[in-house]
N, C-alpha and C. Protein backbone atom coordinates (compact mmCIF):
# COMPACT_ATOMS: atom_id res chain seq x y z
N UNK A 1 -26.65 -20.22 -10.47
CA UNK A 1 -27.66 -19.01 -10.28
C UNK A 1 -27.02 -18.15 -11.02
N UNK A 2 -25.03 -17.95 -11.25
CA UNK A 2 -24.60 -16.99 -12.07
C UNK A 2 -24.01 -17.65 -13.06
N UNK A 3 -24.71 -19.08 -13.49
CA UNK A 3 -24.12 -19.63 -14.90
C UNK A 3 -23.98 -19.06 -16.14
N UNK A 4 -24.91 -17.65 -16.08
CA UNK A 4 -25.01 -17.34 -17.19
C UNK A 4 -24.06 -15.58 -17.21
N UNK A 5 -23.38 -15.68 -16.07
CA UNK A 5 -22.36 -14.58 -16.08
C UNK A 5 -21.07 -14.77 -16.82
N UNK A 6 -20.33 -14.20 -17.55
CA UNK A 6 -19.54 -14.33 -17.86
C UNK A 6 -18.04 -13.47 -17.28
N UNK A 7 -17.33 -14.16 -16.66
CA UNK A 7 -15.91 -13.87 -15.98
C UNK A 7 -15.21 -13.28 -16.93
N UNK A 8 -14.82 -12.00 -17.15
CA UNK A 8 -13.61 -11.45 -17.82
C UNK A 8 -12.77 -10.90 -16.82
N UNK A 9 -11.36 -11.06 -16.88
CA UNK A 9 -10.05 -10.64 -16.19
C UNK A 9 -9.26 -9.40 -16.79
N UNK A 10 -9.54 -8.29 -16.22
CA UNK A 10 -9.11 -6.99 -16.71
C UNK A 10 -7.53 -6.86 -16.53
N UNK A 11 -6.90 -6.93 -17.48
CA UNK A 11 -4.98 -7.06 -17.56
C UNK A 11 -4.79 -5.83 -17.28
N UNK A 12 -4.92 -5.41 -16.14
CA UNK A 12 -4.40 -4.04 -16.02
C UNK A 12 -4.25 -3.68 -14.14
N UNK A 13 -3.39 -2.48 -13.66
CA UNK A 13 -3.31 -2.51 -12.27
C UNK A 13 -3.79 -0.89 -12.37
N UNK A 14 -4.29 -0.34 -13.20
CA UNK A 14 -4.46 0.85 -13.23
C UNK A 14 -6.12 1.03 -12.82
N UNK A 15 -6.19 1.48 -11.58
CA UNK A 15 -7.81 1.83 -11.43
C UNK A 15 -8.70 2.71 -11.60
N UNK A 16 -7.96 3.87 -12.46
CA UNK A 16 -8.84 4.49 -13.49
C UNK A 16 -8.80 4.04 -14.89
N UNK A 17 -8.34 3.49 -15.09
CA UNK A 17 -9.02 2.19 -16.18
C UNK A 17 -10.04 1.19 -16.26
N UNK A 18 -9.79 1.13 -14.92
CA UNK A 18 -10.99 -0.46 -14.39
C UNK A 18 -12.14 0.55 -14.14
N UNK A 19 -12.39 1.76 -13.74
CA UNK A 19 -13.73 2.32 -13.42
C UNK A 19 -14.27 2.52 -14.88
N UNK A 20 -13.38 2.98 -15.91
CA UNK A 20 -13.80 3.33 -17.34
C UNK A 20 -14.20 1.97 -18.00
N UNK A 21 -13.50 0.93 -17.79
CA UNK A 21 -13.89 -0.08 -18.16
C UNK A 21 -15.38 -0.92 -17.75
N UNK A 22 -15.43 -0.81 -16.29
CA UNK A 22 -16.68 -1.38 -15.61
C UNK A 22 -17.83 -0.55 -16.21
N UNK A 23 -17.47 1.10 -16.17
CA UNK A 23 -19.01 1.65 -16.69
C UNK A 23 -19.48 1.02 -17.91
N UNK A 24 -18.47 0.76 -18.69
CA UNK A 24 -19.21 0.44 -20.36
C UNK A 24 -19.47 -0.85 -20.20
N UNK A 25 -19.07 -1.84 -19.55
CA UNK A 25 -19.66 -3.21 -19.24
C UNK A 25 -20.76 -2.95 -18.44
N UNK A 26 -21.43 -2.03 -18.05
CA UNK A 26 -22.73 -2.40 -16.86
C UNK A 26 -23.76 -2.87 -17.32
N UNK A 27 -24.11 -2.63 -18.66
CA UNK A 27 -25.18 -3.27 -19.73
C UNK A 27 -25.17 -4.85 -19.99
N UNK A 28 -23.91 -5.39 -19.55
CA UNK A 28 -24.17 -6.83 -20.18
C UNK A 28 -23.88 -7.57 -18.67
N UNK A 29 -23.82 -9.10 -19.42
CA UNK A 29 -23.70 -10.21 -18.34
C UNK A 29 -22.46 -10.42 -17.62
N UNK A 30 -21.38 -9.39 -17.70
CA UNK A 30 -20.21 -9.75 -17.33
C UNK A 30 -19.93 -9.28 -16.10
N UNK A 31 -18.95 -10.28 -15.41
CA UNK A 31 -18.21 -9.71 -14.22
C UNK A 31 -16.80 -9.82 -14.16
N UNK A 32 -16.55 -8.44 -14.08
CA UNK A 32 -15.13 -7.56 -14.44
C UNK A 32 -14.28 -7.95 -13.37
N UNK A 33 -13.51 -9.12 -13.42
CA UNK A 33 -12.28 -9.09 -12.38
C UNK A 33 -11.31 -8.55 -12.54
N UNK A 34 -10.67 -7.89 -11.20
CA UNK A 34 -9.71 -7.45 -11.39
C UNK A 34 -8.45 -8.10 -10.31
N UNK A 35 -7.29 -7.25 -10.13
CA UNK A 35 -6.12 -7.70 -9.44
C UNK A 35 -6.54 -7.71 -8.20
N UNK A 36 -7.67 -7.13 -7.73
CA UNK A 36 -8.03 -7.31 -6.04
C UNK A 36 -8.81 -8.93 -5.74
N UNK A 37 -9.05 -9.48 -6.94
CA UNK A 37 -9.42 -11.10 -7.01
C UNK A 37 -8.52 -11.76 -7.26
N UNK A 38 -7.38 -11.30 -7.34
CA UNK A 38 -5.97 -12.06 -8.03
C UNK A 38 -4.80 -11.25 -7.49
N UNK A 39 -4.36 -11.15 -5.99
CA UNK A 39 -3.51 -10.26 -5.82
C UNK A 39 -2.38 -10.65 -6.01
N UNK A 40 -1.96 -11.99 -6.35
CA UNK A 40 -0.44 -12.15 -6.81
C UNK A 40 -0.41 -11.79 -8.45
N UNK A 41 -1.65 -11.33 -9.07
CA UNK A 41 -1.56 -11.02 -10.65
C UNK A 41 -0.49 -10.17 -10.92
N UNK A 42 0.40 -10.63 -12.04
CA UNK A 42 1.50 -10.03 -12.43
C UNK A 42 1.44 -8.39 -12.68
N UNK A 43 2.06 -7.51 -12.79
CA UNK A 43 2.04 -6.13 -13.51
C UNK A 43 2.55 -6.36 -15.21
N UNK A 44 2.40 -6.96 -15.93
CA UNK A 44 3.10 -7.32 -17.11
C UNK A 44 3.88 -6.29 -17.68
N UNK A 45 5.10 -6.11 -18.03
CA UNK A 45 5.93 -5.39 -18.47
C UNK A 45 5.56 -5.19 -19.86
N UNK A 46 5.45 -3.68 -20.71
CA UNK A 46 4.89 -3.43 -21.68
C UNK A 46 6.16 -3.13 -22.16
N UNK A 47 7.06 -4.08 -22.90
CA UNK A 47 8.02 -3.92 -23.63
C UNK A 47 8.23 -4.20 -25.05
N UNK A 48 6.54 -3.65 -25.65
CA UNK A 48 6.38 -4.04 -27.03
C UNK A 48 6.79 -2.39 -27.68
N UNK A 49 6.73 -2.94 -28.93
CA UNK A 49 7.13 -1.61 -30.00
C UNK A 49 6.02 -1.11 -30.31
N UNK A 50 4.66 -1.77 -30.00
CA UNK A 50 3.70 -0.97 -30.55
C UNK A 50 2.56 -1.26 -29.61
N UNK A 51 1.40 -0.35 -29.32
CA UNK A 51 0.42 -0.47 -28.74
C UNK A 51 -0.54 -2.05 -28.58
N UNK A 52 -0.16 -2.37 -30.00
CA UNK A 52 -0.77 -4.04 -30.49
C UNK A 52 -0.22 -5.08 -30.01
N UNK A 53 1.14 -4.81 -29.72
CA UNK A 53 1.78 -5.86 -29.15
C UNK A 53 1.80 -5.86 -27.47
N UNK A 54 1.91 -4.69 -27.03
CA UNK A 54 1.78 -4.72 -25.40
C UNK A 54 0.35 -4.96 -25.17
N UNK A 55 -0.74 -5.02 -25.79
CA UNK A 55 -2.28 -5.28 -25.38
C UNK A 55 -2.32 -6.68 -25.54
N UNK A 56 -1.66 -7.21 -26.55
CA UNK A 56 -1.58 -8.97 -26.72
C UNK A 56 -0.74 -9.47 -25.69
N UNK A 57 0.31 -9.03 -25.33
CA UNK A 57 0.88 -9.51 -24.27
C UNK A 57 0.44 -9.64 -22.95
N UNK A 58 0.00 -8.33 -22.57
CA UNK A 58 -0.87 -8.67 -21.48
C UNK A 58 -2.28 -9.42 -21.27
N UNK A 59 -2.71 -9.48 -22.29
CA UNK A 59 -4.20 -10.28 -22.33
C UNK A 59 -3.62 -11.48 -22.29
N UNK A 60 -2.68 -11.92 -23.01
CA UNK A 60 -2.34 -13.55 -22.86
C UNK A 60 -1.75 -13.96 -21.67
N UNK A 61 -0.71 -12.75 -21.19
CA UNK A 61 -0.07 -13.49 -19.80
C UNK A 61 -0.95 -13.25 -18.44
N UNK A 62 -2.14 -12.61 -18.37
CA UNK A 62 -3.35 -12.61 -17.43
C UNK A 62 -3.95 -13.57 -17.73
N UNK A 63 -4.50 -13.97 -19.29
CA UNK A 63 -5.34 -15.34 -19.60
C UNK A 63 -4.37 -16.52 -18.84
N UNK A 64 -2.87 -16.54 -19.11
CA UNK A 64 -2.42 -18.09 -18.67
C UNK A 64 -2.00 -17.77 -17.13
N UNK A 65 -1.92 -16.62 -16.37
CA UNK A 65 -1.91 -16.67 -14.97
C UNK A 65 -3.43 -16.94 -14.14
N UNK A 66 -4.36 -16.61 -14.72
CA UNK A 66 -5.61 -16.78 -14.43
C UNK A 66 -6.65 -17.98 -14.59
N UNK A 67 -6.47 -18.32 -16.19
CA UNK A 67 -6.91 -19.21 -16.54
C UNK A 67 -8.61 -19.03 -17.14
N UNK A 68 -8.42 -17.72 -17.02
CA UNK A 68 -10.07 -16.79 -17.24
C UNK A 68 -9.31 -16.01 -18.93
N UNK A 69 -10.67 -15.64 -19.28
CA UNK A 69 -10.76 -15.06 -20.51
C UNK A 69 -10.05 -13.49 -19.78
N UNK A 70 -9.40 -12.71 -20.72
CA UNK A 70 -8.56 -11.61 -20.05
C UNK A 70 -8.65 -10.59 -21.18
N UNK A 71 -9.09 -9.09 -20.77
CA UNK A 71 -9.06 -7.94 -21.77
C UNK A 71 -8.11 -7.17 -21.08
N UNK A 72 -7.55 -6.93 -22.56
CA UNK A 72 -6.21 -5.77 -21.82
C UNK A 72 -6.30 -4.20 -22.81
N UNK A 73 -5.43 -3.55 -22.80
CA UNK A 73 -5.72 -2.36 -23.53
C UNK A 73 -4.13 -1.68 -23.72
N UNK A 74 -3.80 -1.16 -24.34
CA UNK A 74 -2.81 -0.31 -24.53
C UNK A 74 -3.12 1.15 -25.16
N UNK A 75 -2.83 2.19 -24.77
CA UNK A 75 -3.13 3.46 -24.84
C UNK A 75 -2.01 4.47 -25.19
N UNK A 76 -1.96 5.27 -26.62
CA UNK A 76 -0.83 6.33 -26.31
C UNK A 76 -1.54 7.36 -26.83
N UNK A 77 -0.92 8.45 -26.62
CA UNK A 77 -1.00 10.04 -26.88
C UNK A 77 0.10 10.41 -27.73
N UNK A 78 -0.53 10.67 -29.27
CA UNK A 78 0.37 10.71 -30.38
C UNK A 78 0.49 12.09 -30.77
N UNK A 79 1.62 13.03 -30.86
CA UNK A 79 1.31 14.70 -30.70
C UNK A 79 2.32 14.74 -32.34
N UNK A 80 1.67 15.33 -32.96
CA UNK A 80 2.26 15.80 -34.60
C UNK A 80 3.15 16.43 -34.06
N UNK A 81 3.55 17.55 -33.31
CA UNK A 81 4.63 18.25 -33.58
C UNK A 81 6.08 17.75 -32.80
N UNK A 82 5.84 16.12 -32.45
CA UNK A 82 6.69 15.62 -31.50
C UNK A 82 6.80 14.45 -32.34
N UNK A 83 6.55 14.41 -33.56
CA UNK A 83 6.51 13.15 -34.57
C UNK A 83 5.95 12.02 -33.85
N UNK A 84 4.98 11.66 -33.24
CA UNK A 84 4.02 10.93 -32.87
C UNK A 84 4.25 10.53 -31.59
N UNK A 85 5.42 11.51 -30.70
CA UNK A 85 5.81 10.81 -29.47
C UNK A 85 4.61 11.73 -28.44
N UNK A 86 4.41 11.39 -27.34
CA UNK A 86 5.00 10.13 -26.58
C UNK A 86 4.63 8.54 -27.16
N UNK A 87 3.62 8.06 -27.76
CA UNK A 87 3.58 7.19 -28.35
C UNK A 87 3.15 6.03 -27.34
N UNK A 88 3.78 5.08 -27.73
CA UNK A 88 3.70 3.96 -27.29
C UNK A 88 4.59 3.95 -25.64
N UNK A 89 5.26 5.29 -25.38
CA UNK A 89 5.99 5.19 -24.22
C UNK A 89 5.07 6.04 -23.27
N UNK A 90 3.72 6.65 -23.53
CA UNK A 90 3.06 7.62 -23.09
C UNK A 90 2.68 7.30 -21.64
N UNK A 91 3.06 6.42 -20.94
CA UNK A 91 2.60 6.07 -19.65
C UNK A 91 3.70 6.11 -18.91
N UNK A 92 4.87 6.13 -19.38
CA UNK A 92 6.42 6.20 -18.74
C UNK A 92 7.51 7.12 -19.64
N UNK A 93 6.77 8.25 -20.02
CA UNK A 93 7.29 9.27 -20.56
C UNK A 93 8.39 10.39 -20.04
N UNK A 94 8.28 10.32 -19.04
CA UNK A 94 9.02 10.93 -17.90
C UNK A 94 10.09 9.92 -17.11
N UNK A 95 9.85 8.49 -17.55
CA UNK A 95 10.44 7.93 -16.84
C UNK A 95 9.65 6.64 -16.09
N UNK A 96 10.71 5.50 -15.75
CA UNK A 96 9.57 4.22 -14.95
C UNK A 96 9.10 4.69 -13.61
N UNK A 97 7.63 4.57 -13.29
CA UNK A 97 7.26 4.57 -11.93
C UNK A 97 6.96 6.21 -11.68
N UNK A 98 6.77 6.99 -12.53
CA UNK A 98 6.39 8.48 -12.63
C UNK A 98 4.94 8.69 -12.31
N UNK A 99 4.40 9.77 -11.98
CA UNK A 99 3.16 9.93 -11.63
C UNK A 99 3.05 10.50 -13.43
N UNK A 100 1.17 10.53 -13.12
CA UNK A 100 0.60 11.27 -14.18
C UNK A 100 1.37 12.74 -14.23
N UNK A 101 0.97 13.45 -13.06
CA UNK A 101 1.89 14.96 -13.49
C UNK A 101 3.49 15.51 -13.82
N UNK A 102 4.03 14.37 -13.31
CA UNK A 102 5.42 14.26 -14.69
C UNK A 102 5.37 14.08 -15.42
N UNK A 103 4.62 13.27 -16.23
CA UNK A 103 4.22 12.83 -17.70
C UNK A 103 3.63 14.22 -18.40
N UNK A 104 2.91 14.76 -17.97
CA UNK A 104 2.37 15.78 -18.22
C UNK A 104 3.40 16.61 -18.16
N UNK A 105 4.13 17.38 -17.23
CA UNK A 105 5.17 17.94 -17.12
C UNK A 105 6.35 18.06 -17.94
N UNK A 106 6.49 16.69 -18.44
CA UNK A 106 7.69 16.59 -19.53
C UNK A 106 6.99 17.35 -20.91
N UNK A 107 5.72 16.66 -20.94
CA UNK A 107 5.11 16.82 -22.70
C UNK A 107 4.93 18.19 -22.49
N UNK A 108 4.40 19.24 -21.67
CA UNK A 108 4.43 21.01 -21.85
C UNK A 108 5.62 21.48 -22.03
N UNK A 109 6.70 20.85 -21.42
CA UNK A 109 8.25 21.48 -21.33
C UNK A 109 8.45 21.11 -23.00
N UNK A 110 8.16 20.05 -23.32
CA UNK A 110 8.89 19.79 -24.63
C UNK A 110 8.07 20.71 -25.86
N UNK A 111 6.80 20.95 -25.67
CA UNK A 111 5.85 21.69 -26.30
C UNK A 111 6.16 23.03 -26.13
N UNK A 112 7.09 23.78 -24.99
CA UNK A 112 6.98 24.88 -24.90
C UNK A 112 6.99 25.79 -25.96
N UNK A 113 7.57 25.57 -27.11
CA UNK A 113 7.79 26.70 -28.24
C UNK A 113 7.05 26.35 -29.70
N UNK A 114 6.16 25.40 -29.08
CA UNK A 114 4.94 25.10 -30.01
C UNK A 114 3.82 25.73 -29.91
N UNK A 115 3.20 26.80 -31.03
CA UNK A 115 2.31 27.42 -31.06
C UNK A 115 0.83 26.63 -30.41
N UNK A 116 0.01 26.82 -30.01
CA UNK A 116 -1.73 26.52 -30.23
C UNK A 116 -2.11 25.83 -31.35
N UNK A 117 -1.74 26.21 -32.21
CA UNK A 117 -2.39 26.02 -33.41
C UNK A 117 -1.59 24.74 -34.12
N UNK A 118 -0.35 24.71 -33.56
CA UNK A 118 0.18 23.68 -34.11
C UNK A 118 0.44 22.46 -32.65
N UNK A 119 -0.36 22.36 -32.00
CA UNK A 119 -0.38 21.38 -30.96
C UNK A 119 -1.52 20.20 -31.28
N UNK A 120 -1.73 19.78 -32.52
CA UNK A 120 -2.55 18.85 -32.91
C UNK A 120 -2.18 17.21 -31.92
N UNK A 121 -3.02 16.67 -31.59
CA UNK A 121 -2.80 15.20 -31.17
C UNK A 121 -3.62 14.23 -31.04
N UNK A 122 -3.65 12.94 -30.84
CA UNK A 122 -4.71 12.48 -30.99
C UNK A 122 -4.58 11.12 -29.55
N UNK A 123 -5.48 10.38 -29.09
CA UNK A 123 -5.44 9.46 -28.34
C UNK A 123 -5.55 8.07 -29.39
N UNK A 124 -4.99 7.19 -28.81
CA UNK A 124 -5.68 5.79 -29.78
C UNK A 124 -4.99 4.72 -29.03
N UNK A 125 -6.21 4.00 -28.93
CA UNK A 125 -6.17 2.60 -27.83
C UNK A 125 -6.55 1.66 -29.17
N UNK A 126 -5.60 0.59 -28.09
CA UNK A 126 -5.93 -0.92 -28.77
C UNK A 126 -6.15 -1.76 -27.95
N UNK A 127 -7.42 -2.48 -28.18
CA UNK A 127 -7.71 -3.50 -27.00
C UNK A 127 -7.87 -5.10 -27.32
N UNK A 128 -7.56 -5.99 -26.43
CA UNK A 128 -7.57 -7.55 -27.31
C UNK A 128 -8.00 -8.16 -26.06
N UNK A 129 -8.87 -8.97 -26.54
CA UNK A 129 -9.51 -9.99 -25.29
C UNK A 129 -9.23 -11.22 -26.00
N UNK A 130 -8.49 -12.15 -25.07
CA UNK A 130 -7.99 -13.44 -25.65
C UNK A 130 -8.59 -14.38 -24.14
N UNK A 131 -9.09 -15.46 -24.98
CA UNK A 131 -9.63 -16.61 -23.81
C UNK A 131 -9.24 -18.01 -23.99
N UNK A 132 -8.11 -18.16 -24.74
CA UNK A 132 -7.31 -19.13 -24.96
C UNK A 132 -7.34 -20.13 -26.18
N UNK A 133 -8.66 -19.58 -27.03
CA UNK A 133 -9.37 -19.90 -28.26
C UNK A 133 -9.51 -18.74 -28.95
N UNK A 134 -9.98 -17.83 -28.45
CA UNK A 134 -10.00 -16.70 -29.43
C UNK A 134 -9.77 -15.18 -29.45
N UNK A 135 -8.91 -14.37 -30.16
CA UNK A 135 -8.61 -13.35 -29.86
C UNK A 135 -9.43 -12.09 -30.73
N UNK A 136 -9.77 -11.42 -30.10
CA UNK A 136 -10.44 -10.09 -30.69
C UNK A 136 -9.64 -9.00 -30.17
N UNK A 137 -9.54 -8.23 -31.56
CA UNK A 137 -8.55 -7.03 -31.29
C UNK A 137 -9.56 -5.58 -31.85
N UNK A 138 -9.90 -4.81 -31.28
CA UNK A 138 -10.31 -3.32 -31.78
C UNK A 138 -9.69 -2.07 -31.30
N UNK A 139 -9.63 -1.35 -31.96
CA UNK A 139 -9.16 -0.06 -32.12
C UNK A 139 -9.89 1.37 -31.99
N UNK A 140 -9.45 2.44 -31.15
CA UNK A 140 -10.23 3.63 -31.22
C UNK A 140 -9.05 4.78 -31.08
N UNK A 141 -9.67 5.64 -31.89
CA UNK A 141 -8.62 7.32 -31.86
C UNK A 141 -9.93 8.18 -31.67
N UNK A 142 -9.16 9.57 -31.23
CA UNK A 142 -10.14 10.27 -31.10
C UNK A 142 -8.94 11.54 -31.18
N UNK A 143 -9.51 12.70 -31.94
CA UNK A 143 -8.29 13.69 -32.67
C UNK A 143 -8.77 14.90 -31.47
N UNK A 144 -7.50 15.59 -31.03
CA UNK A 144 -7.52 16.94 -30.36
C UNK A 144 -6.39 17.69 -30.23
N UNK A 145 -6.27 18.57 -29.01
CA UNK A 145 -4.82 19.24 -29.02
C UNK A 145 -4.82 19.48 -27.80
N UNK A 146 -3.50 19.34 -27.31
CA UNK A 146 -2.75 19.88 -26.21
C UNK A 146 -2.53 21.51 -26.19
N UNK A 147 -3.22 21.31 -24.80
CA UNK A 147 -3.26 22.73 -24.30
C UNK A 147 -1.92 23.38 -23.63
N UNK A 148 -1.88 24.45 -23.04
CA UNK A 148 -0.65 25.21 -22.68
C UNK A 148 -0.72 24.88 -21.17
N UNK A 149 -1.88 24.33 -20.86
CA UNK A 149 -1.95 24.46 -19.24
C UNK A 149 -3.18 23.31 -18.67
N UNK A 150 -3.20 22.93 -17.62
CA UNK A 150 -4.37 22.31 -17.28
C UNK A 150 -5.61 22.79 -16.87
N UNK A 151 -7.09 21.69 -17.57
CA UNK A 151 -8.10 22.05 -16.87
C UNK A 151 -9.01 20.79 -16.50
N UNK A 152 -9.59 21.41 -15.33
CA UNK A 152 -10.65 20.15 -14.99
C UNK A 152 -10.01 19.42 -13.77
N UNK A 153 -10.63 18.66 -13.35
CA UNK A 153 -9.94 17.87 -12.36
C UNK A 153 -10.38 16.43 -12.16
N UNK A 154 -11.24 15.86 -13.45
CA UNK A 154 -11.66 14.63 -13.58
C UNK A 154 -10.81 13.64 -14.47
N UNK A 155 -10.42 12.63 -14.63
CA UNK A 155 -10.11 11.92 -15.88
C UNK A 155 -8.61 11.11 -14.99
N UNK A 156 -7.62 11.16 -15.69
CA UNK A 156 -6.58 10.75 -15.48
C UNK A 156 -5.11 10.59 -16.36
N UNK A 157 -3.98 10.83 -16.11
CA UNK A 157 -3.10 10.79 -17.35
C UNK A 157 -2.94 12.13 -17.87
N UNK A 158 -2.89 12.12 -19.22
CA UNK A 158 -2.97 13.60 -20.19
C UNK A 158 -4.17 13.88 -20.31
N UNK A 159 -5.42 13.45 -19.49
CA UNK A 159 -6.61 14.26 -19.78
C UNK A 159 -6.78 15.65 -19.56
N UNK A 160 -6.24 16.24 -18.48
CA UNK A 160 -6.26 17.54 -18.06
C UNK A 160 -5.69 18.53 -19.34
N UNK A 161 -4.80 17.92 -20.58
CA UNK A 161 -4.29 19.21 -20.99
C UNK A 161 -4.70 18.57 -22.65
N UNK A 162 -5.58 17.57 -22.59
CA UNK A 162 -5.87 17.19 -24.00
C UNK A 162 -7.68 17.59 -24.21
N UNK A 163 -7.11 18.69 -25.02
CA UNK A 163 -8.59 19.74 -25.60
C UNK A 163 -9.39 18.91 -26.53
N UNK A 164 -10.56 18.98 -26.43
CA UNK A 164 -11.12 18.07 -27.57
C UNK A 164 -12.51 19.38 -28.17
N UNK A 165 -11.95 20.00 -29.20
CA UNK A 165 -12.91 20.77 -29.95
C UNK A 165 -14.05 20.85 -29.83
N UNK A 166 -14.85 19.63 -30.53
CA UNK A 166 -16.18 19.74 -30.55
C UNK A 166 -16.93 20.00 -29.27
N UNK A 167 -16.57 19.57 -28.24
CA UNK A 167 -17.23 19.73 -26.81
C UNK A 167 -16.37 20.93 -26.34
N UNK A 168 -15.52 21.43 -26.88
CA UNK A 168 -14.90 22.65 -26.10
C UNK A 168 -14.27 22.45 -24.85
N UNK A 169 -14.07 21.26 -24.18
CA UNK A 169 -13.65 20.68 -23.06
C UNK A 169 -12.23 19.96 -22.83
N UNK A 170 -11.60 19.96 -22.22
CA UNK A 170 -10.70 18.44 -22.08
C UNK A 170 -11.38 17.36 -21.62
N UNK A 171 -10.80 16.40 -21.51
CA UNK A 171 -11.27 14.97 -20.89
C UNK A 171 -11.37 15.16 -19.78
N UNK A 172 -10.34 16.32 -18.69
CA UNK A 172 -10.56 16.53 -17.57
C UNK A 172 -12.19 16.48 -16.85
N UNK A 173 -12.86 17.29 -18.19
CA UNK A 173 -13.82 17.99 -17.62
C UNK A 173 -15.31 17.40 -18.23
N UNK A 174 -14.95 15.91 -18.48
CA UNK A 174 -16.17 15.57 -18.76
C UNK A 174 -16.17 14.05 -17.76
N UNK A 175 -17.46 13.95 -17.40
CA UNK A 175 -17.65 12.50 -16.67
C UNK A 175 -17.22 11.40 -16.94
N UNK A 176 -17.24 10.31 -16.54
CA UNK A 176 -17.06 8.89 -17.09
C UNK A 176 -17.60 8.60 -18.33
N UNK A 177 -19.45 8.57 -17.95
CA UNK A 177 -20.20 8.47 -19.12
C UNK A 177 -20.04 9.18 -20.50
N UNK A 178 -19.49 10.47 -20.18
CA UNK A 178 -19.45 11.58 -21.26
C UNK A 178 -18.21 11.17 -22.45
N UNK A 179 -17.09 10.90 -21.15
CA UNK A 179 -15.63 10.42 -21.98
C UNK A 179 -15.98 9.16 -22.52
N UNK A 180 -16.42 8.09 -22.22
CA UNK A 180 -16.73 6.97 -22.74
C UNK A 180 -17.45 7.01 -24.45
N UNK A 181 -18.05 8.10 -23.94
CA UNK A 181 -18.83 8.13 -25.28
C UNK A 181 -17.84 8.68 -26.57
N UNK A 182 -17.07 9.25 -26.44
CA UNK A 182 -16.11 9.76 -27.57
C UNK A 182 -14.90 9.89 -27.64
N UNK A 183 -14.29 9.10 -26.22
CA UNK A 183 -12.92 8.73 -26.09
C UNK A 183 -12.62 7.59 -26.90
N UNK A 184 -10.76 7.77 -27.00
CA UNK A 184 -10.29 6.52 -27.65
C UNK A 184 -10.59 5.27 -26.94
N UNK A 185 -10.70 5.18 -25.36
CA UNK A 185 -10.77 3.99 -25.23
C UNK A 185 -12.28 3.49 -24.88
N UNK A 186 -13.24 4.41 -25.15
CA UNK A 186 -14.50 4.12 -25.02
C UNK A 186 -14.94 3.53 -26.17
N UNK A 187 -14.30 4.25 -27.55
CA UNK A 187 -14.52 3.45 -29.02
C UNK A 187 -13.99 2.16 -28.83
N UNK A 188 -13.07 1.83 -28.56
CA UNK A 188 -12.53 0.35 -28.74
C UNK A 188 -13.41 -0.46 -27.66
N UNK A 189 -13.79 -0.07 -26.69
CA UNK A 189 -14.52 -0.79 -25.63
C UNK A 189 -15.75 -1.19 -26.01
N UNK A 190 -16.53 0.07 -27.09
CA UNK A 190 -17.86 -0.45 -27.47
C UNK A 190 -17.60 -1.07 -28.69
N UNK A 191 -16.66 -1.16 -29.59
CA UNK A 191 -16.71 -2.04 -30.60
C UNK A 191 -16.20 -3.24 -30.02
N UNK A 192 -15.52 -3.59 -28.60
CA UNK A 192 -15.27 -4.88 -28.44
C UNK A 192 -16.50 -5.25 -27.70
N UNK A 193 -17.02 -4.71 -26.90
CA UNK A 193 -18.70 -5.34 -26.61
C UNK A 193 -19.47 -5.71 -28.05
N UNK A 194 -19.52 -5.32 -28.77
CA UNK A 194 -20.22 -5.37 -30.13
C UNK A 194 -19.43 -6.70 -30.51
N UNK A 195 -18.45 -6.85 -30.66
CA UNK A 195 -17.59 -8.20 -31.18
C UNK A 195 -17.95 -9.01 -30.09
N UNK A 196 -17.98 -9.30 -28.82
CA UNK A 196 -18.22 -10.00 -28.05
C UNK A 196 -19.82 -10.69 -28.09
N UNK A 197 -20.17 -9.44 -28.37
CA UNK A 197 -22.10 -9.99 -28.10
C UNK A 197 -22.14 -10.38 -29.92
N UNK A 198 -21.39 -10.26 -30.66
CA UNK A 198 -21.50 -11.12 -32.00
C UNK A 198 -21.01 -12.46 -31.88
N UNK A 199 -20.13 -12.82 -30.97
CA UNK A 199 -19.86 -14.55 -31.09
C UNK A 199 -20.29 -14.99 -29.91
N UNK A 200 -21.18 -14.19 -29.23
CA UNK A 200 -22.25 -14.70 -28.42
C UNK A 200 -21.24 -15.29 -27.13
N UNK A 201 -20.33 -14.52 -27.29
CA UNK A 201 -19.12 -14.71 -25.75
C UNK A 201 -19.96 -13.77 -24.64
N UNK A 202 -20.73 -12.49 -24.91
CA UNK A 202 -21.76 -11.98 -23.73
C UNK A 202 -22.69 -11.29 -24.31
N UNK A 203 -23.31 -11.39 -23.07
CA UNK A 203 -24.99 -10.90 -23.90
C UNK A 203 -25.09 -9.39 -23.21
N UNK A 204 -26.16 -8.71 -23.71
CA UNK A 204 -26.30 -7.53 -23.55
C UNK A 204 -28.03 -7.80 -22.29
N UNK A 205 -28.29 -6.88 -21.13
CA UNK A 205 -29.19 -7.02 -20.34
C UNK A 205 -30.03 -6.03 -19.95
């Protein structure tokens, strides 16, 4: 009965990411599996020097662990005034095992003397699919700027301070559907879904 369902394992332990990924795949014949289905699934160490290397490592290791196609992403916030930092270290900018709030607090501290006009930043996501045979990589970017304080209650990570000028809102002031339409991860996601469909690995329903 479920022969036409494509199972893909999400190579992340981040439940916030999982929500966004599941929302985007809603119109396809995929069943997205998570670490809830594989209680012993490792939390892959992100020690790559680039987003691409981290995403590739996560997809490959989770494929080998589960034996199922895996989808991974790595995302970085690149602030021009900080020469692209925090970049690949975005999730651990304030140290290992820190909270979203601690990362935000450090970033705001680093930018404390930077004027609002010079707080340009971009989010960049690299997404990798690996099934032992096929490797697909997509990328998404979005331009914005960093506020001096948080706004909004949704989203996660740096969303409360990432202001998106076209909508005059932070990412935390958008719902999942709105965010997926314009965000870095959303762009990479929909490119990935298109690529998977083109290769007949999944289908739209």
